[in-house]
């Protein structure tokens, strides 16, 4: 094996080993927010790589927008997280359950003692 082949193989390994998640698309962000019961969603910006607390990681995206909930117009600032199996999603862990919103819909999981 020559040096050129080794360099190409190493570059491919590094590229795949540290692959970034795909960018969160506006349409997917809008769908997730609509599953979270927001209406008239207007996504103004998507801040890739940062959550709403300012923490930086490639698996974060913060969606900033305007929407309506309970007949009130409000600003929206939600952090979405990327998971290889789930894609972009919003997760809320409560005391006795966990809620998960994806572009496909909503799912709630209750902990064993609360079934």
C-alpha atoms as a PDB file:
ATOM      1  CA  UNK A   1       0.000   0.000   0.000  1.00  0.00           C
ATOM      2  CA  UNK A   2       1.439   3.357  -0.927  1.00  0.00           C
ATOM      3  CA  UNK A   3       1.342   6.533   1.154  1.00  0.00           C
ATOM      4  CA  UNK A   4      -1.354   8.140  -0.986  1.00  0.00           C
ATOM      5  CA  UNK A   5      -3.762   5.234  -0.390  1.00  0.00           C
ATOM      6  CA  UNK A   6      -3.057   5.375   3.344  1.00  0.00           C
ATOM      7  CA  UNK A   7      -3.760   9.114   3.451  1.00  0.00           C
ATOM      8  CA  UNK A   8      -7.055   8.710   1.584  1.00  0.00           C
ATOM      9  CA  UNK A   9      -8.094   5.856   3.890  1.00  0.00           C
ATOM     10  CA  UNK A  10      -7.181   7.922   6.973  1.00  0.00           C
ATOM     11  CA  UNK A  11      -9.122  10.939   5.668  1.00  0.00           C
ATOM     12  CA  UNK A  12     -12.202   8.795   5.031  1.00  0.00           C
ATOM     13  CA  UNK A  13     -11.964   7.294   8.520  1.00  0.00           C
ATOM     14  CA  UNK A  14     -11.681  10.705  10.196  1.00  0.00           C
ATOM     15  CA  UNK A  15     -14.559  12.099   8.112  1.00  0.00           C
ATOM     16  CA  UNK A  16     -16.913   9.247   9.005  1.00  0.00           C
ATOM     17  CA  UNK A  17     -15.779   8.902  12.639  1.00  0.00           C
ATOM     18  CA  UNK A  18     -16.501  12.560  13.379  1.00  0.00           C
ATOM     19  CA  UNK A  19     -19.468  13.087  11.071  1.00  0.00           C
ATOM     20  CA  UNK A  20     -21.678  15.991  11.972  1.00  0.00           C
ATOM     21  CA  UNK A  21     -25.440  15.527  12.260  1.00  0.00           C
ATOM     22  CA  UNK A  22     -27.475  16.970   9.408  1.00  0.00           C
ATOM     23  CA  UNK A  23     -28.708  20.519   9.839  1.00  0.00           C
ATOM     24  CA  UNK A  24     -32.199  20.902  11.269  1.00  0.00           C
ATOM     25  CA  UNK A  25     -34.459  22.010   8.415  1.00  0.00           C
ATOM     26  CA  UNK A  26     -37.091  24.709   8.918  1.00  0.00           C
ATOM     27  CA  UNK A  27     -39.921  22.424   7.802  1.00  0.00           C
ATOM     28  CA  UNK A  28     -38.875  19.723  10.298  1.00  0.00           C
ATOM     29  CA  UNK A  29     -38.622  22.313  13.096  1.00  0.00           C
ATOM     30  CA  UNK A  30     -42.091  23.589  12.222  1.00  0.00           C
ATOM     31  CA  UNK A  31     -43.536  20.052  12.264  1.00  0.00           C
ATOM     32  CA  UNK A  32     -42.021  19.285  15.661  1.00  0.00           C
ATOM     33  CA  UNK A  33     -43.348  22.551  17.116  1.00  0.00           C
ATOM     34  CA  UNK A  34     -46.804  21.814  15.704  1.00  0.00           C
ATOM     35  CA  UNK A  35     -46.735  18.413  17.424  1.00  0.00           C
ATOM     36  CA  UNK A  36     -45.908  20.359  20.601  1.00  0.00           C
ATOM     37  CA  UNK A  37     -49.321  22.074  20.120  1.00  0.00           C
ATOM     38  CA  UNK A  38     -47.992  25.347  18.709  1.00  0.00           C
ATOM     39  CA  UNK A  39     -50.196  26.843  15.975  1.00  0.00           C
ATOM     40  CA  UNK A  40     -49.392  29.356  13.232  1.00  0.00           C
ATOM     41  CA  UNK A  41     -45.699  28.527  13.600  1.00  0.00           C
ATOM     42  CA  UNK A  42     -43.234  30.936  11.987  1.00  0.00           C
ATOM     43  CA  UNK A  43     -39.624  29.744  12.334  1.00  0.00           C
ATOM     44  CA  UNK A  44     -37.441  32.863  12.313  1.00  0.00           C
ATOM     45  CA  UNK A  45     -34.031  31.296  12.883  1.00  0.00           C
ATOM     46  CA  UNK A  46     -32.336  28.016  13.637  1.00  0.00           C
ATOM     47  CA  UNK A  47     -29.109  28.274  15.629  1.00  0.00           C
ATOM     48  CA  UNK A  48     -27.202  25.108  14.695  1.00  0.00           C
ATOM     49  CA  UNK A  49     -24.777  23.707  17.259  1.00  0.00           C
ATOM     50  CA  UNK A  50     -26.007  25.606  20.303  1.00  0.00           C
ATOM     51  CA  UNK A  51     -28.808  25.008  22.809  1.00  0.00           C
ATOM     52  CA  UNK A  52     -31.007  27.656  24.434  1.00  0.00           C
ATOM     53  CA  UNK A  53     -28.608  27.873  27.410  1.00  0.00           C
ATOM     54  CA  UNK A  54     -25.631  28.666  25.166  1.00  0.00           C
ATOM     55  CA  UNK A  55     -23.988  25.255  25.461  1.00  0.00           C
ATOM     56  CA  UNK A  56     -22.236  24.236  22.252  1.00  0.00           C
ATOM     57  CA  UNK A  57     -22.378  20.759  20.671  1.00  0.00           C
ATOM     58  CA  UNK A  58     -23.118  19.592  17.133  1.00  0.00           C
ATOM     59  CA  UNK A  59     -26.171  17.626  18.363  1.00  0.00           C
ATOM     60  CA  UNK A  60     -27.991  20.820  19.451  1.00  0.00           C
ATOM     61  CA  UNK A  61     -30.158  23.202  17.469  1.00  0.00           C
ATOM     62  CA  UNK A  62     -32.171  26.053  18.927  1.00  0.00           C
ATOM     63  CA  UNK A  63     -35.293  27.142  17.093  1.00  0.00           C
ATOM     64  CA  UNK A  64     -36.413  30.733  17.500  1.00  0.00           C
ATOM     65  CA  UNK A  65     -39.782  31.790  16.180  1.00  0.00           C
ATOM     66  CA  UNK A  66     -43.273  33.076  16.706  1.00  0.00           C
ATOM     67  CA  UNK A  67     -46.351  30.941  17.214  1.00  0.00           C
ATOM     68  CA  UNK A  68     -49.739  30.760  18.896  1.00  0.00           C
ATOM     69  CA  UNK A  69     -50.712  28.639  21.877  1.00  0.00           C
ATOM     70  CA  UNK A  70     -53.878  28.921  23.950  1.00  0.00           C
ATOM     71  CA  UNK A  71     -55.017  31.771  21.650  1.00  0.00           C
ATOM     72  CA  UNK A  72     -51.979  33.851  22.655  1.00  0.00           C
ATOM     73  CA  UNK A  73     -49.233  34.899  20.244  1.00  0.00           C
ATOM     74  CA  UNK A  74     -45.880  34.079  21.814  1.00  0.00           C
ATOM     75  CA  UNK A  75     -42.191  33.856  21.079  1.00  0.00           C
ATOM     76  CA  UNK A  76     -40.742  30.355  20.832  1.00  0.00           C
ATOM     77  CA  UNK A  77     -37.231  29.310  21.815  1.00  0.00           C
ATOM     78  CA  UNK A  78     -36.840  25.522  21.923  1.00  0.00           C
ATOM     79  CA  UNK A  79     -33.769  23.317  21.888  1.00  0.00           C
ATOM     80  CA  UNK A  80     -33.832  20.233  19.702  1.00  0.00           C
ATOM     81  CA  UNK A  81     -31.355  17.376  19.976  1.00  0.00           C
ATOM     82  CA  UNK A  82     -30.119  15.041  17.252  1.00  0.00           C
ATOM     83  CA  UNK A  83     -30.079  11.295  17.798  1.00  0.00           C
ATOM     84  CA  UNK A  84     -29.007   8.814  15.140  1.00  0.00           C
ATOM     85  CA  UNK A  85     -32.180   6.723  15.570  1.00  0.00           C
ATOM     86  CA  UNK A  86     -34.703   9.477  16.356  1.00  0.00           C
ATOM     87  CA  UNK A  87     -33.377  12.253  14.174  1.00  0.00           C
ATOM     88  CA  UNK A  88     -34.046  15.783  15.440  1.00  0.00           C
ATOM     89  CA  UNK A  89     -36.346  15.755  18.459  1.00  0.00           C
ATOM     90  CA  UNK A  90     -37.348  17.571  21.636  1.00  0.00           C
ATOM     91  CA  UNK A  91     -37.238  15.608  24.885  1.00  0.00           C
ATOM     92  CA  UNK A  92     -38.837  16.576  28.174  1.00  0.00           C
ATOM     93  CA  UNK A  93     -38.162  14.381  31.220  1.00  0.00           C
ATOM     94  CA  UNK A  94     -40.668  14.842  34.028  1.00  0.00           C
ATOM     95  CA  UNK A  95     -40.885  13.289  37.481  1.00  0.00           C
ATOM     96  CA  UNK A  96     -42.910  10.247  36.396  1.00  0.00           C
ATOM     97  CA  UNK A  97     -42.754  10.296  32.623  1.00  0.00           C
ATOM     98  CA  UNK A  98     -40.824  11.407  29.566  1.00  0.00           C
ATOM     99  CA  UNK A  99     -42.249  13.181  26.526  1.00  0.00           C
ATOM    100  CA  UNK A 100     -40.714  12.984  23.083  1.00  0.00           C
ATOM    101  CA  UNK A 101     -41.631  15.010  20.016  1.00  0.00           C
ATOM    102  CA  UNK A 102     -40.269  14.222  16.553  1.00  0.00           C
ATOM    103  CA  UNK A 103     -41.338  15.335  13.088  1.00  0.00           C
ATOM    104  CA  UNK A 104     -43.472  12.154  12.984  1.00  0.00           C
ATOM    105  CA  UNK A 105     -45.387  12.904  16.175  1.00  0.00           C
ATOM    106  CA  UNK A 106     -45.552  12.702  19.945  1.00  0.00           C
ATOM    107  CA  UNK A 107     -44.854   9.869  22.371  1.00  0.00           C
ATOM    108  CA  UNK A 108     -45.086   9.719  26.158  1.00  0.00           C
ATOM    109  CA  UNK A 109     -43.365   7.060  28.231  1.00  0.00           C
ATOM    110  CA  UNK A 110     -44.339   6.516  31.857  1.00  0.00           C
ATOM    111  CA  UNK A 111     -41.953   5.077  34.385  1.00  0.00           C
ATOM    112  CA  UNK A 112     -42.606   1.570  35.651  1.00  0.00           C
ATOM    113  CA  UNK A 113     -44.298   2.525  38.933  1.00  0.00           C
ATOM    114  CA  UNK A 114     -46.881   4.726  37.188  1.00  0.00           C
ATOM    115  CA  UNK A 115     -48.356   2.286  34.604  1.00  0.00           C
END
